[in-house]
PDB file of all heavy atoms in Angstrom:
ATOM      1  N   VAL A   1     204.761  37.151  90.857  1.00  0.00           N
ATOM      2  CA  VAL A   1     205.463  36.490  89.764  1.00  0.00           C
ATOM      3  C   VAL A   1     206.104  37.514  88.850  1.00  0.00           C
ATOM      4  O   VAL A   1     207.289  37.392  88.445  1.00  0.00           O
ATOM      5  CB  VAL A   1     204.499  35.589  88.966  1.00  0.00           C
ATOM      6  CG1 VAL A   1     205.195  34.962  87.741  1.00  0.00           C
ATOM      7  CG2 VAL A   1     203.923  34.498  89.850  1.00  0.00           C
ATOM      8  N   PHE A   2     205.397  38.589  88.545  1.00  0.00           N
ATOM      9  CA  PHE A   2     205.891  39.653  87.701  1.00  0.00           C
ATOM     10  C   PHE A   2     207.180  40.274  88.326  1.00  0.00           C
ATOM     11  O   PHE A   2     208.174  40.485  87.638  1.00  0.00           O
ATOM     12  CB  PHE A   2     204.829  40.726  87.497  1.00  0.00           C
ATOM     13  CG  PHE A   2     205.315  41.969  86.806  1.00  0.00           C
ATOM     14  CD1 PHE A   2     205.723  41.957  85.489  1.00  0.00           C
ATOM     15  CD2 PHE A   2     205.349  43.181  87.482  1.00  0.00           C
ATOM     16  CE1 PHE A   2     206.174  43.119  84.854  1.00  0.00           C
ATOM     17  CE2 PHE A   2     205.773  44.356  86.855  1.00  0.00           C
ATOM     18  CZ  PHE A   2     206.182  44.315  85.547  1.00  0.00           C
ATOM     19  N   ALA A   3     207.099  40.561  89.609  1.00  0.00           N
ATOM     20  CA  ALA A   3     208.245  41.162  90.279  1.00  0.00           C
ATOM     21  C   ALA A   3     209.425  40.207  90.308  1.00  0.00           C
ATOM     22  O   ALA A   3     210.586  40.636  90.123  1.00  0.00           O
ATOM     23  CB  ALA A   3     207.850  41.539  91.700  1.00  0.00           C
ATOM     24  N   THR A   4     209.191  38.947  90.497  1.00  0.00           N
ATOM     25  CA  THR A   4     210.277  37.972  90.562  1.00  0.00           C
ATOM     26  C   THR A   4     211.034  37.878  89.252  1.00  0.00           C
ATOM     27  O   THR A   4     212.273  37.958  89.218  1.00  0.00           O
ATOM     28  CB  THR A   4     209.735  36.551  90.942  1.00  0.00           C
ATOM     29  OG1 THR A   4     209.041  36.666  92.209  1.00  0.00           O
ATOM     30  CG2 THR A   4     210.843  35.555  91.038  1.00  0.00           C
ATOM     31  N   VAL A   5     210.302  37.711  88.161  1.00  0.00           N
ATOM     32  CA  VAL A   5     210.959  37.537  86.874  1.00  0.00           C
ATOM     33  C   VAL A   5     211.562  38.854  86.382  1.00  0.00           C
ATOM     34  O   VAL A   5     212.586  38.873  85.699  1.00  0.00           O
ATOM     35  CB  VAL A   5     210.009  36.944  85.817  1.00  0.00           C
ATOM     36  CG1 VAL A   5     209.607  35.545  86.204  1.00  0.00           C
ATOM     37  CG2 VAL A   5     208.773  37.798  85.587  1.00  0.00           C
ATOM     38  N   THR A   6     210.947  39.988  86.751  1.00  0.00           N
ATOM     39  CA  THR A   6     211.531  41.285  86.395  1.00  0.00           C
ATOM     40  C   THR A   6     212.830  41.518  87.167  1.00  0.00           C
ATOM     41  O   THR A   6     213.797  42.074  86.638  1.00  0.00           O
ATOM     42  CB  THR A   6     210.547  42.418  86.672  1.00  0.00           C
ATOM     43  OG1 THR A   6     209.334  42.191  85.938  1.00  0.00           O
ATOM     44  CG2 THR A   6     211.115  43.754  86.243  1.00  0.00           C
ATOM     45  N   CYS A   7     212.868  41.064  88.410  1.00  0.00           N
ATOM     46  CA  CYS A   7     214.097  41.168  89.179  1.00  0.00           C
ATOM     47  C   CYS A   7     215.236  40.406  88.509  1.00  0.00           C
ATOM     48  O   CYS A   7     216.378  40.878  88.462  1.00  0.00           O
ATOM     49  CB  CYS A   7     213.872  40.629  90.598  1.00  0.00           C
ATOM     50  SG  CYS A   7     215.321  40.687  91.674  1.00  0.00           S
ATOM     51  N   LEU A   8     214.946  39.227  87.972  1.00  0.00           N
ATOM     52  CA  LEU A   8     215.966  38.467  87.263  1.00  0.00           C
ATOM     53  C   LEU A   8     216.443  39.232  86.034  1.00  0.00           C
ATOM     54  O   LEU A   8     217.666  39.244  85.719  1.00  0.00           O
ATOM     55  CB  LEU A   8     215.396  37.098  86.835  1.00  0.00           C
ATOM     56  CG  LEU A   8     215.033  36.162  87.965  1.00  0.00           C
ATOM     57  CD1 LEU A   8     214.422  34.872  87.406  1.00  0.00           C
ATOM     58  CD2 LEU A   8     216.233  35.841  88.850  1.00  0.00           C
ATOM     59  N   ALA A   9     215.543  39.871  85.301  1.00  0.00           N
ATOM     60  CA  ALA A   9     215.924  40.657  84.129  1.00  0.00           C
ATOM     61  C   ALA A   9     216.777  41.844  84.525  1.00  0.00           C
ATOM     62  O   ALA A   9     217.773  42.154  83.870  1.00  0.00           O
ATOM     63  CB  ALA A   9     214.672  41.108  83.381  1.00  0.00           C
ATOM     64  N   VAL A  10     216.406  42.509  85.613  1.00  0.00           N
ATOM     65  CA  VAL A  10     217.178  43.661  86.130  1.00  0.00           C
ATOM     66  C   VAL A  10     218.612  43.234  86.458  1.00  0.00           C
ATOM     67  O   VAL A  10     219.595  43.893  86.070  1.00  0.00           O
ATOM     68  CB  VAL A  10     216.498  44.270  87.336  1.00  0.00           C
ATOM     69  CG1 VAL A  10     217.436  45.276  88.064  1.00  0.00           C
ATOM     70  CG2 VAL A  10     215.202  44.972  86.944  1.00  0.00           C
ATOM     71  N   MET A  11     218.755  42.152  87.200  1.00  0.00           N
ATOM     72  CA  MET A  11     220.066  41.695  87.601  1.00  0.00           C
ATOM     73  C   MET A  11     220.904  41.168  86.431  1.00  0.00           C
ATOM     74  O   MET A  11     222.112  41.301  86.437  1.00  0.00           O
ATOM     75  CB  MET A  11     219.950  40.598  88.657  1.00  0.00           C
ATOM     76  CG  MET A  11     219.340  41.094  89.965  1.00  0.00           C
ATOM     77  SD  MET A  11     220.245  42.549  90.605  1.00  0.00           S
ATOM     78  CE  MET A  11     218.870  43.548  91.182  1.00  0.00           C
ATOM     79  N   THR A  12     220.248  40.622  85.434  1.00  0.00           N
ATOM     80  CA  THR A  12     220.950  40.195  84.218  1.00  0.00           C
ATOM     81  C   THR A  12     221.517  41.426  83.516  1.00  0.00           C
ATOM     82  O   THR A  12     222.676  41.401  83.053  1.00  0.00           O
ATOM     83  CB  THR A  12     220.032  39.439  83.287  1.00  0.00           C
ATOM     84  OG1 THR A  12     219.499  38.295  83.944  1.00  0.00           O
ATOM     85  CG2 THR A  12     220.745  38.972  82.019  1.00  0.00           C
ATOM     86  N   CYS A  13     220.754  42.509  83.423  1.00  0.00           N
ATOM     87  CA  CYS A  13     221.245  43.744  82.829  1.00  0.00           C
ATOM     88  C   CYS A  13     222.418  44.309  83.640  1.00  0.00           C
ATOM     89  O   CYS A  13     223.439  44.719  83.080  1.00  0.00           O
ATOM     90  CB  CYS A  13     220.137  44.773  82.761  1.00  0.00           C
ATOM     91  SG  CYS A  13     218.818  44.410  81.577  1.00  0.00           S
ATOM     92  N   LEU A  14     222.255  44.326  84.957  1.00  0.00           N
ATOM     93  CA  LEU A  14     223.330  44.853  85.799  1.00  0.00           C
ATOM     94  C   LEU A  14     224.614  44.002  85.689  1.00  0.00           C
ATOM     95  O   LEU A  14     225.720  44.558  85.569  1.00  0.00           O
ATOM     96  CB  LEU A  14     222.872  44.902  87.254  1.00  0.00           C
ATOM     97  CG  LEU A  14     223.810  45.515  88.262  1.00  0.00           C
ATOM     98  CD1 LEU A  14     224.155  46.950  87.939  1.00  0.00           C
ATOM     99  CD2 LEU A  14     223.196  45.455  89.692  1.00  0.00           C
ATOM    100  N   ALA A  15     224.452  42.695  85.724  1.00  0.00           N
ATOM    101  CA  ALA A  15     225.593  41.809  85.584  1.00  0.00           C
ATOM    102  C   ALA A  15     226.252  41.979  84.207  1.00  0.00           C
ATOM    103  O   ALA A  15     227.482  41.990  84.083  1.00  0.00           O
ATOM    104  CB  ALA A  15     225.174  40.361  85.787  1.00  0.00           C
ATOM    105  N   GLY A  16     225.433  42.157  83.157  1.00  0.00           N
ATOM    106  CA  GLY A  16     225.978  42.378  81.832  1.00  0.00           C
ATOM    107  C   GLY A  16     226.729  43.684  81.724  1.00  0.00           C
ATOM    108  O   GLY A  16     227.813  43.744  81.090  1.00  0.00           O
ATOM    109  N   ALA A  17     226.216  44.741  82.373  1.00  0.00           N
ATOM    110  CA  ALA A  17     226.898  46.028  82.307  1.00  0.00           C
ATOM    111  C   ALA A  17     228.231  45.982  83.030  1.00  0.00           C
ATOM    112  O   ALA A  17     229.232  46.578  82.585  1.00  0.00           O
ATOM    113  CB  ALA A  17     226.010  47.081  82.958  1.00  0.00           C
ATOM    114  N   LEU A  18     228.326  45.252  84.130  1.00  0.00           N
ATOM    115  CA  LEU A  18     229.564  45.176  84.910  1.00  0.00           C
ATOM    116  C   LEU A  18     230.543  44.185  84.382  1.00  0.00           C
ATOM    117  O   LEU A  18     231.745  44.271  84.634  1.00  0.00           O
ATOM    118  CB  LEU A  18     229.221  44.863  86.373  1.00  0.00           C
ATOM    119  CG  LEU A  18     228.382  45.910  87.112  1.00  0.00           C
ATOM    120  CD1 LEU A  18     228.051  45.443  88.516  1.00  0.00           C
ATOM    121  CD2 LEU A  18     229.113  47.251  87.163  1.00  0.00           C
ATOM    122  N   SER A  19     230.071  43.184  83.623  1.00  0.00           N
ATOM    123  CA  SER A  19     230.952  42.137  83.137  1.00  0.00           C
ATOM    124  C   SER A  19     231.811  42.569  81.957  1.00  0.00           C
ATOM    125  O   SER A  19     232.869  41.992  81.708  1.00  0.00           O
ATOM    126  CB  SER A  19     230.135  40.912  82.722  1.00  0.00           C
ATOM    127  OG  SER A  19     229.322  41.230  81.571  1.00  0.00           O
ATOM    128  N   GLY A  20     231.360  43.600  81.220  1.00  0.00           N
ATOM    129  CA  GLY A  20     232.068  44.010  80.043  1.00  0.00           C
ATOM    130  C   GLY A  20     231.739  43.208  78.798  1.00  0.00           C
ATOM    131  O   GLY A  20     232.284  43.483  77.719  1.00  0.00           O
ATOM    132  N   ILE A  21     230.821  42.258  78.894  1.00  0.00           N
ATOM    133  CA  ILE A  21     230.440  41.446  77.730  1.00  0.00           C
ATOM    134  C   ILE A  21     229.746  42.304  76.703  1.00  0.00           C
ATOM    135  O   ILE A  21     230.002  42.209  75.518  1.00  0.00           O
ATOM    136  CB  ILE A  21     229.533  40.279  78.179  1.00  0.00           C
ATOM    137  CG1 ILE A  21     230.285  39.333  79.099  1.00  0.00           C
ATOM    138  CG2 ILE A  21     228.994  39.527  76.960  1.00  0.00           C
ATOM    139  CD1 ILE A  21     229.425  38.255  79.691  1.00  0.00           C
ATOM    140  N   GLU A  22     228.823  43.155  77.142  1.00  0.00           N
ATOM    141  CA  GLU A  22     228.145  44.062  76.272  1.00  0.00           C
ATOM    142  C   GLU A  22     228.660  45.490  76.506  1.00  0.00           C
ATOM    143  O   GLU A  22     228.611  45.970  77.648  1.00  0.00           O
ATOM    144  CB  GLU A  22     226.614  43.969  76.543  1.00  0.00           C
ATOM    145  CG  GLU A  22     225.800  44.976  75.757  1.00  0.00           C
ATOM    146  CD  GLU A  22     225.960  44.841  74.253  1.00  0.00           C
ATOM    147  OE1 GLU A  22     225.895  43.703  73.746  1.00  0.00           O
ATOM    148  OE2 GLU A  22     226.193  45.865  73.605  1.00  0.00           O
ATOM    149  N   LYS A  23     229.135  46.162  75.441  1.00  0.00           N
ATOM    150  CA  LYS A  23     229.789  47.441  75.602  1.00  0.00           C
ATOM    151  C   LYS A  23     228.802  48.578  75.878  1.00  0.00           C
ATOM    152  O   LYS A  23     229.187  49.623  76.396  1.00  0.00           O
ATOM    153  CB  LYS A  23     230.576  47.765  74.325  1.00  0.00           C
ATOM    154  CG  LYS A  23     231.608  46.713  73.970  1.00  0.00           C
ATOM    155  CD  LYS A  23     232.591  46.491  75.130  1.00  0.00           C
ATOM    156  CE  LYS A  23     233.652  45.441  74.767  1.00  0.00           C
ATOM    157  NZ  LYS A  23     234.531  45.160  75.919  1.00  0.00           N
ATOM    158  N   ARG A  24     227.528  48.413  75.507  1.00  0.00           N
ATOM    159  CA  ARG A  24     226.566  49.490  75.718  1.00  0.00           C
ATOM    160  C   ARG A  24     226.062  49.480  77.164  1.00  0.00           C
ATOM    161  O   ARG A  24     224.856  49.255  77.424  1.00  0.00           O
ATOM    162  CB  ARG A  24     225.427  49.329  74.707  1.00  0.00           C
ATOM    163  CG  ARG A  24     225.804  49.604  73.274  1.00  0.00           C
ATOM    164  CD  ARG A  24     224.752  49.160  72.277  1.00  0.00           C
ATOM    165  NE  ARG A  24     224.666  47.717  72.158  1.00  0.00           N
ATOM    166  CZ  ARG A  24     223.913  47.093  71.268  1.00  0.00           C
ATOM    167  NH1 ARG A  24     223.165  47.767  70.430  1.00  0.00           N
ATOM    168  NH2 ARG A  24     223.886  45.752  71.214  1.00  0.00           N
ATOM    169  N   TRP A  25     226.956  49.731  78.091  1.00  0.00           N
ATOM    170  CA  TRP A  25     226.619  49.584  79.504  1.00  0.00           C
ATOM    171  C   TRP A  25     225.604  50.623  79.955  1.00  0.00           C
ATOM    172  O   TRP A  25     224.819  50.376  80.876  1.00  0.00           O
ATOM    173  CB  TRP A  25     227.883  49.636  80.338  1.00  0.00           C
ATOM    174  CG  TRP A  25     228.622  50.941  80.324  1.00  0.00           C
ATOM    175  CD1 TRP A  25     229.621  51.312  79.473  1.00  0.00           C
ATOM    176  CD2 TRP A  25     228.416  52.057  81.200  1.00  0.00           C
ATOM    177  NE1 TRP A  25     230.031  52.590  79.735  1.00  0.00           N
ATOM    178  CE2 TRP A  25     229.328  53.057  80.822  1.00  0.00           C
ATOM    179  CE3 TRP A  25     227.546  52.293  82.252  1.00  0.00           C
ATOM    180  CZ2 TRP A  25     229.380  54.293  81.437  1.00  0.00           C
ATOM    181  CZ3 TRP A  25     227.586  53.528  82.902  1.00  0.00           C
ATOM    182  CH2 TRP A  25     228.524  54.505  82.469  1.00  0.00           C
ATOM    183  N   LYS A  26     225.636  51.810  79.338  1.00  0.00           N
ATOM    184  CA  LYS A  26     224.709  52.848  79.760  1.00  0.00           C
ATOM    185  C   LYS A  26     223.255  52.418  79.480  1.00  0.00           C
ATOM    186  O   LYS A  26     222.359  52.667  80.283  1.00  0.00           O
ATOM    187  CB  LYS A  26     225.023  54.169  79.057  1.00  0.00           C
ATOM    188  CG  LYS A  26     226.338  54.773  79.494  1.00  0.00           C
ATOM    189  CD  LYS A  26     226.601  56.095  78.767  1.00  0.00           C
ATOM    190  CE  LYS A  26     227.948  56.697  79.198  1.00  0.00           C
ATOM    191  NZ  LYS A  26     228.242  57.979  78.462  1.00  0.00           N
ATOM    192  N   LEU A  27     223.060  51.788  78.317  1.00  0.00           N
ATOM    193  CA  LEU A  27     221.724  51.278  77.982  1.00  0.00           C
ATOM    194  C   LEU A  27     221.296  50.209  79.001  1.00  0.00           C
ATOM    195  O   LEU A  27     220.134  50.184  79.414  1.00  0.00           O
ATOM    196  CB  LEU A  27     221.747  50.676  76.587  1.00  0.00           C
ATOM    197  CG  LEU A  27     220.457  49.992  76.111  1.00  0.00           C
ATOM    198  CD1 LEU A  27     219.312  50.999  76.015  1.00  0.00           C
ATOM    199  CD2 LEU A  27     220.671  49.285  74.773  1.00  0.00           C
ATOM    200  N   LEU A  28     222.240  49.357  79.404  1.00  0.00           N
ATOM    201  CA  LEU A  28     221.895  48.275  80.339  1.00  0.00           C
ATOM    202  C   LEU A  28     221.552  48.856  81.722  1.00  0.00           C
ATOM    203  O   LEU A  28     220.634  48.374  82.385  1.00  0.00           O
ATOM    204  CB  LEU A  28     223.069  47.297  80.448  1.00  0.00           C
ATOM    205  CG  LEU A  28     223.527  46.619  79.165  1.00  0.00           C
ATOM    206  CD1 LEU A  28     224.615  45.602  79.462  1.00  0.00           C
ATOM    207  CD2 LEU A  28     222.361  45.968  78.477  1.00  0.00           C
ATOM    208  N   VAL A  29     222.297  49.851  82.154  1.00  0.00           N
ATOM    209  CA  VAL A  29     221.979  50.480  83.430  1.00  0.00           C
ATOM    210  C   VAL A  29     220.613  51.161  83.386  1.00  0.00           C
ATOM    211  O   VAL A  29     219.838  51.059  84.354  1.00  0.00           O
ATOM    212  CB  VAL A  29     223.091  51.520  83.795  1.00  0.00           C
ATOM    213  CG1 VAL A  29     222.674  52.330  85.037  1.00  0.00           C
ATOM    214  CG2 VAL A  29     224.419  50.785  84.063  1.00  0.00           C
ATOM    215  N   LEU A  30     220.317  51.833  82.277  1.00  0.00           N
ATOM    216  CA  LEU A  30     219.010  52.481  82.122  1.00  0.00           C
ATOM    217  C   LEU A  30     217.913  51.422  82.166  1.00  0.00           C
ATOM    218  O   LEU A  30     216.852  51.636  82.787  1.00  0.00           O
ATOM    219  CB  LEU A  30     218.988  53.269  80.826  1.00  0.00           C
ATOM    220  CG  LEU A  30     217.706  54.079  80.571  1.00  0.00           C
ATOM    221  CD1 LEU A  30     217.560  55.153  81.647  1.00  0.00           C
ATOM    222  CD2 LEU A  30     217.767  54.752  79.185  1.00  0.00           C
ATOM    223  N   ALA A  31     218.129  50.290  81.502  1.00  0.00           N
ATOM    224  CA  ALA A  31     217.141  49.211  81.507  1.00  0.00           C
ATOM    225  C   ALA A  31     216.952  48.663  82.923  1.00  0.00           C
ATOM    226  O   ALA A  31     215.802  48.362  83.337  1.00  0.00           O
ATOM    227  CB  ALA A  31     217.578  48.100  80.551  1.00  0.00           C
ATOM    228  N   ALA A  32     218.049  48.503  83.666  1.00  0.00           N
ATOM    229  CA  ALA A  32     217.948  48.002  85.043  1.00  0.00           C
ATOM    230  C   ALA A  32     217.130  48.959  85.894  1.00  0.00           C
ATOM    231  O   ALA A  32     216.316  48.512  86.736  1.00  0.00           O
ATOM    232  CB  ALA A  32     219.357  47.809  85.626  1.00  0.00           C
ATOM    233  N   ILE A  33     217.336  50.261  85.713  1.00  0.00           N
ATOM    234  CA  ILE A  33     216.537  51.242  86.471  1.00  0.00           C
ATOM    235  C   ILE A  33     215.061  51.132  86.089  1.00  0.00           C
ATOM    236  O   ILE A  33     214.192  51.166  86.957  1.00  0.00           O
ATOM    237  CB  ILE A  33     217.067  52.659  86.195  1.00  0.00           C
ATOM    238  CG1 ILE A  33     218.501  52.803  86.756  1.00  0.00           C
ATOM    239  CG2 ILE A  33     216.156  53.700  86.814  1.00  0.00           C
ATOM    240  CD1 ILE A  33     219.170  54.100  86.389  1.00  0.00           C
ATOM    241  N   ALA A  34     214.774  50.988  84.800  1.00  0.00           N
ATOM    242  CA  ALA A  34     213.405  50.839  84.348  1.00  0.00           C
ATOM    243  C   ALA A  34     212.751  49.634  84.983  1.00  0.00           C
ATOM    244  O   ALA A  34     211.611  49.678  85.471  1.00  0.00           O
ATOM    245  CB  ALA A  34     213.355  50.738  82.827  1.00  0.00           C
ATOM    246  N   GLY A  35     213.468  48.484  85.000  1.00  0.00           N
ATOM    247  CA  GLY A  35     212.944  47.293  85.586  1.00  0.00           C
ATOM    248  C   GLY A  35     212.723  47.441  87.100  1.00  0.00           C
ATOM    249  O   GLY A  35     211.716  46.940  87.641  1.00  0.00           O
ATOM    250  N   ALA A  36     213.626  48.142  87.752  1.00  0.00           N
ATOM    251  CA  ALA A  36     213.484  48.340  89.204  1.00  0.00           C
ATOM    252  C   ALA A  36     212.241  49.166  89.523  1.00  0.00           C
ATOM    253  O   ALA A  36     211.546  48.909  90.490  1.00  0.00           O
ATOM    254  CB  ALA A  36     214.746  49.036  89.757  1.00  0.00           C
ATOM    255  N   ILE A  37     211.957  50.173  88.682  1.00  0.00           N
ATOM    256  CA  ILE A  37     210.753  50.981  88.880  1.00  0.00           C
ATOM    257  C   ILE A  37     209.527  50.092  88.696  1.00  0.00           C
ATOM    258  O   ILE A  37     208.526  50.203  89.470  1.00  0.00           O
ATOM    259  CB  ILE A  37     210.735  52.165  87.923  1.00  0.00           C
ATOM    260  CG1 ILE A  37     211.889  53.116  88.230  1.00  0.00           C
ATOM    261  CG2 ILE A  37     209.396  52.906  88.001  1.00  0.00           C
ATOM    262  CD1 ILE A  37     212.063  54.234  87.200  1.00  0.00           C
ATOM    263  N   ALA A  38     209.536  49.221  87.709  1.00  0.00           N
ATOM    264  CA  ALA A  38     208.428  48.299  87.486  1.00  0.00           C
ATOM    265  C   ALA A  38     208.192  47.403  88.700  1.00  0.00           C
ATOM    266  O   ALA A  38     207.066  47.141  89.083  1.00  0.00           O
ATOM    267  CB  ALA A  38     208.700  47.447  86.234  1.00  0.00           C
ATOM    268  N   ILE A  39     209.276  46.978  89.331  1.00  0.00           N
ATOM    269  CA  ILE A  39     209.185  46.141  90.536  1.00  0.00           C
ATOM    270  C   ILE A  39     208.524  46.930  91.660  1.00  0.00           C
ATOM    271  O   ILE A  39     207.694  46.403  92.418  1.00  0.00           O
ATOM    272  CB  ILE A  39     210.560  45.621  90.957  1.00  0.00           C
ATOM    273  CG1 ILE A  39     211.078  44.640  89.903  1.00  0.00           C
ATOM    274  CG2 ILE A  39     210.514  44.951  92.335  1.00  0.00           C
ATOM    275  CD1 ILE A  39     212.517  44.251  90.128  1.00  0.00           C
ATOM    276  N   VAL A  40     208.884  48.215  91.808  1.00  0.00           N
ATOM    277  CA  VAL A  40     208.259  49.044  92.827  1.00  0.00           C
ATOM    278  C   VAL A  40     206.746  49.104  92.592  1.00  0.00           C
ATOM    279  O   VAL A  40     205.927  48.971  93.524  1.00  0.00           O
ATOM    280  CB  VAL A  40     208.859  50.468  92.820  1.00  0.00           C
ATOM    281  CG1 VAL A  40     208.075  51.392  93.759  1.00  0.00           C
ATOM    282  CG2 VAL A  40     210.344  50.399  93.268  1.00  0.00           C
ATOM    283  N   TYR A  41     206.361  49.298  91.317  1.00  0.00           N
ATOM    284  CA  TYR A  41     204.915  49.363  91.004  1.00  0.00           C
ATOM    285  C   TYR A  41     204.195  48.046  91.268  1.00  0.00           C
ATOM    286  O   TYR A  41     202.982  48.047  91.409  1.00  0.00           O
ATOM    287  CB  TYR A  41     204.728  49.791  89.559  1.00  0.00           C
ATOM    288  CG  TYR A  41     204.920  51.267  89.291  1.00  0.00           C
ATOM    289  CD1 TYR A  41     205.705  51.722  88.242  1.00  0.00           C
ATOM    290  CD2 TYR A  41     204.286  52.216  90.090  1.00  0.00           C
ATOM    291  CE1 TYR A  41     205.881  53.076  88.003  1.00  0.00           C
ATOM    292  CE2 TYR A  41     204.458  53.573  89.862  1.00  0.00           C
ATOM    293  CZ  TYR A  41     205.251  53.993  88.824  1.00  0.00           C
ATOM    294  OH  TYR A  41     205.408  55.336  88.586  1.00  0.00           O
ATOM    295  N   SER A  42     204.929  46.962  91.301  1.00  0.00           N
ATOM    296  CA  SER A  42     204.265  45.667  91.567  1.00  0.00           C
ATOM    297  C   SER A  42     203.815  45.541  93.016  1.00  0.00           C
ATOM    298  O   SER A  42     202.930  44.747  93.333  1.00  0.00           O
ATOM    299  CB  SER A  42     205.233  44.508  91.255  1.00  0.00           C
ATOM    300  OG  SER A  42     206.214  44.374  92.279  1.00  0.00           O
ATOM    301  N   GLY A  43     204.442  46.313  93.912  1.00  0.00           N
ATOM    302  CA  GLY A  43     204.078  46.261  95.300  1.00  0.00           C
ATOM    303  C   GLY A  43     204.475  44.978  96.015  1.00  0.00           C
ATOM    304  O   GLY A  43     204.002  44.683  97.111  1.00  0.00           O
ATOM    305  N   SER A  44     205.407  44.221  95.421  1.00  0.00           N
ATOM    306  CA  SER A  44     205.861  42.949  95.995  1.00  0.00           C
ATOM    307  C   SER A  44     207.003  43.181  96.966  1.00  0.00           C
ATOM    308  O   SER A  44     208.170  43.310  96.556  1.00  0.00           O
ATOM    309  CB  SER A  44     206.280  41.968  94.876  1.00  0.00           C
ATOM    310  OG  SER A  44     205.220  41.712  94.019  1.00  0.00           O
ATOM    311  N   ARG A  45     206.665  43.229  98.245  1.00  0.00           N
ATOM    312  CA  ARG A  45     207.623  43.694  99.237  1.00  0.00           C
ATOM    313  C   ARG A  45     208.847  42.796  99.376  1.00  0.00           C
ATOM    314  O   ARG A  45     209.953  43.267  99.622  1.00  0.00           O
ATOM    315  CB  ARG A  45     206.889  43.868 100.600  1.00  0.00           C
ATOM    316  CG  ARG A  45     205.887  45.012 100.585  1.00  0.00           C
ATOM    317  CD  ARG A  45     205.155  45.094 101.877  1.00  0.00           C
ATOM    318  NE  ARG A  45     204.286  43.955 102.114  1.00  0.00           N
ATOM    319  CZ  ARG A  45     202.968  44.032 102.332  1.00  0.00           C
ATOM    320  NH1 ARG A  45     202.367  45.214 102.327  1.00  0.00           N
ATOM    321  NH2 ARG A  45     202.246  42.955 102.545  1.00  0.00           N
TER     322      ARG A  45
END
């Protein structure tokens, strides 16, 4: 469950960075990377 909802948060950040809606795209990319690492630690293949 943790990995699933974190994946949604990661993709929301990535979509936001690429859409241009939020100008702080570097922060969003960094957040997406952080979330992706958390998903790796979840072990949810």
